[in-house]
Amino acid sequence: MTATLNGHALPDPATVLKRVDDRLARKAGDDPLPAETIDAFADAVRTQIVEPLTANPPDAAELAQLRADLQCANDIVAELRKQPFPWADPGPEQAPDHAPDEPQPWGELFARIRRELALAWADDRKGAR
């Protein structure tokens, strides 16, 4: 039986978890989780989230408040991503608009970390040949 909330069908947790796990495993070059593990997680999601939510669905005012809270949280996260990361070592490839003693913004730090990890991964792949 498909669970519904406010007239909308809720996706089956096992299907969603399987799809996400397949995508993450493919991206990481790993094997997906066994079906038993996905089923155990899906059962937990059903009993702890889906069943209580469908038994006592939020009304329109609660949904509006939840949407407003989510938007507020997304705005805060977006603003935090723009903030400088005070402990970051800017490194030699630092953007020219930063003074050497100026902290590097989070986004630039994460981009630098991704570049360094990609280079390290490429070096490991070369060594494996």
Protein backbone atom coordinates (compact mmCIF):
# COMPACT_ATOMS: atom_id res chain seq x y z
CA MET A 1 0.00 0.00 0.00
CA THR A 2 1.36 3.39 -0.95
CA ALA A 3 1.45 5.99 1.82
CA THR A 4 -0.03 9.38 1.00
CA LEU A 5 0.36 12.76 2.61
CA ASN A 6 -2.05 15.60 1.82
CA GLY A 7 -3.20 13.74 -1.28
CA HIS A 8 0.32 13.11 -2.60
CA ALA A 9 1.85 9.65 -2.78
CA LEU A 10 5.02 9.27 -0.75
CA PRO A 11 7.84 7.43 -2.50
CA ASP A 12 8.76 4.02 -1.13
CA PRO A 13 11.78 4.46 1.16
CA ALA A 14 13.45 1.30 -0.18
CA THR A 15 13.24 2.60 -3.76
CA VAL A 16 14.64 5.99 -2.80
CA LEU A 17 17.45 4.52 -0.69
CA LYS A 18 18.38 2.05 -3.44
CA ARG A 19 18.51 4.80 -6.07
CA VAL A 20 20.64 7.07 -3.87
CA ASP A 21 22.94 4.22 -2.82
CA ASP A 22 23.45 3.16 -6.45
CA ARG A 23 24.32 6.74 -7.42
CA LEU A 24 26.74 7.22 -4.51
CA ALA A 25 28.37 3.83 -5.04
CA ARG A 26 28.80 4.48 -8.76
CA LYS A 27 30.29 7.90 -8.05
CA ALA A 28 32.71 6.45 -5.46
CA GLY A 29 33.55 3.39 -7.55
CA ASP A 30 32.20 1.09 -4.82
CA ASP A 31 29.69 -1.72 -4.77
CA PRO A 32 26.14 -0.84 -3.71
CA LEU A 33 24.89 -1.97 -0.31
CA PRO A 34 23.26 -5.40 -0.11
CA ALA A 35 19.47 -5.48 -0.45
CA GLU A 36 19.11 -6.62 3.18
CA THR A 37 20.86 -3.46 4.40
CA ILE A 38 18.71 -1.21 2.22
CA ASP A 39 15.59 -3.01 3.46
CA ALA A 40 16.64 -2.56 7.12
CA PHE A 41 17.15 1.18 6.59
CA ALA A 42 13.87 1.44 4.68
CA ASP A 43 11.98 -0.31 7.49
CA ALA A 44 13.47 2.16 9.99
CA VAL A 45 12.44 5.10 7.80
CA ARG A 46 8.92 3.70 7.47
CA THR A 47 8.41 3.13 11.20
CA GLN A 48 10.11 6.28 12.47
CA ILE A 49 9.18 8.83 9.79
CA VAL A 50 6.53 7.73 7.30
CA GLU A 51 4.05 6.03 9.64
CA PRO A 52 3.97 8.81 12.27
CA LEU A 53 3.78 11.47 9.56
CA THR A 54 0.89 9.81 7.73
CA ALA A 55 -0.94 9.04 11.00
CA ASN A 56 -0.88 12.70 12.03
CA PRO A 57 -0.23 14.84 8.93
CA PRO A 58 0.60 18.51 9.36
CA ASP A 59 -2.09 21.02 8.47
CA ALA A 60 -1.62 23.83 5.94
CA ALA A 61 -0.31 26.28 8.55
CA GLU A 62 2.27 23.77 9.81
CA LEU A 63 3.37 23.04 6.24
CA ALA A 64 3.75 26.74 5.52
CA GLN A 65 5.84 27.15 8.69
CA LEU A 66 8.00 24.14 7.78
CA ARG A 67 8.58 25.57 4.29
CA ALA A 68 9.51 28.95 5.78
CA ASP A 69 11.89 27.27 8.25
CA LEU A 70 13.49 25.29 5.43
CA GLN A 71 13.95 28.42 3.32
CA CYS A 72 15.46 30.23 6.30
CA ALA A 73 17.87 27.34 6.91
CA ASN A 74 18.85 27.28 3.22
CA ASP A 75 19.47 31.04 3.33
CA ILE A 76 21.68 30.65 6.41
CA VAL A 77 23.67 27.84 4.77
CA ALA A 78 24.13 29.93 1.61
CA GLU A 79 25.36 32.85 3.70
CA LEU A 80 27.72 30.63 5.71
CA ARG A 81 29.22 29.29 2.49
CA LYS A 82 30.21 32.85 1.61
CA GLN A 83 31.89 33.43 4.98
CA PRO A 84 35.66 33.12 5.22
CA PHE A 85 37.08 30.02 6.83
CA PRO A 86 39.41 31.50 9.46
CA TRP A 87 41.75 28.52 9.84
CA ALA A 88 42.35 27.91 6.16
CA ASP A 89 45.86 28.04 4.81
CA PRO A 90 45.27 29.86 1.52
CA GLY A 91 48.06 27.95 -0.23
CA PRO A 92 50.13 29.05 -3.21
CA GLU A 93 47.26 28.92 -5.72
CA GLN A 94 45.24 31.47 -3.75
CA ALA A 95 43.08 33.80 -5.79
CA PRO A 96 44.76 37.17 -6.45
CA ASP A 97 41.98 39.13 -4.73
CA HIS A 98 43.00 37.72 -1.34
CA ALA A 99 45.76 39.24 0.73
CA PRO A 100 48.10 36.58 2.18
CA ASP A 101 46.78 37.08 5.71
CA GLU A 102 43.12 37.21 4.66
CA PRO A 103 41.03 34.09 5.36
CA GLN A 104 39.79 32.13 2.38
CA PRO A 105 36.01 31.78 1.78
CA TRP A 106 34.51 28.32 2.36
CA GLY A 107 33.66 27.74 -1.29
CA GLU A 108 37.21 28.44 -2.40
CA LEU A 109 38.59 26.24 0.37
CA PHE A 110 36.35 23.35 -0.64
CA ALA A 111 37.28 23.82 -4.30
CA ARG A 112 40.96 23.72 -3.36
CA ILE A 113 40.47 20.58 -1.27
CA ARG A 114 38.61 18.91 -4.16
CA ARG A 115 41.46 19.81 -6.54
CA GLU A 116 44.07 18.43 -4.15
CA LEU A 117 42.10 15.22 -3.63
CA ALA A 118 41.65 14.80 -7.38
CA LEU A 119 45.39 15.25 -7.92
CA ALA A 120 46.20 12.77 -5.14
CA TRP A 121 43.73 10.29 -6.60
CA ALA A 122 45.26 10.71 -10.07
CA ASP A 123 48.75 10.15 -8.62
CA ASP A 124 47.54 6.98 -6.88
CA ARG A 125 46.01 5.73 -10.14
CA LYS A 126 49.28 6.36 -11.99
CA GLY A 127 51.22 4.46 -9.32
CA ALA A 128 48.85 1.49 -9.57
CA ARG A 129 49.64 0.95 -13.25
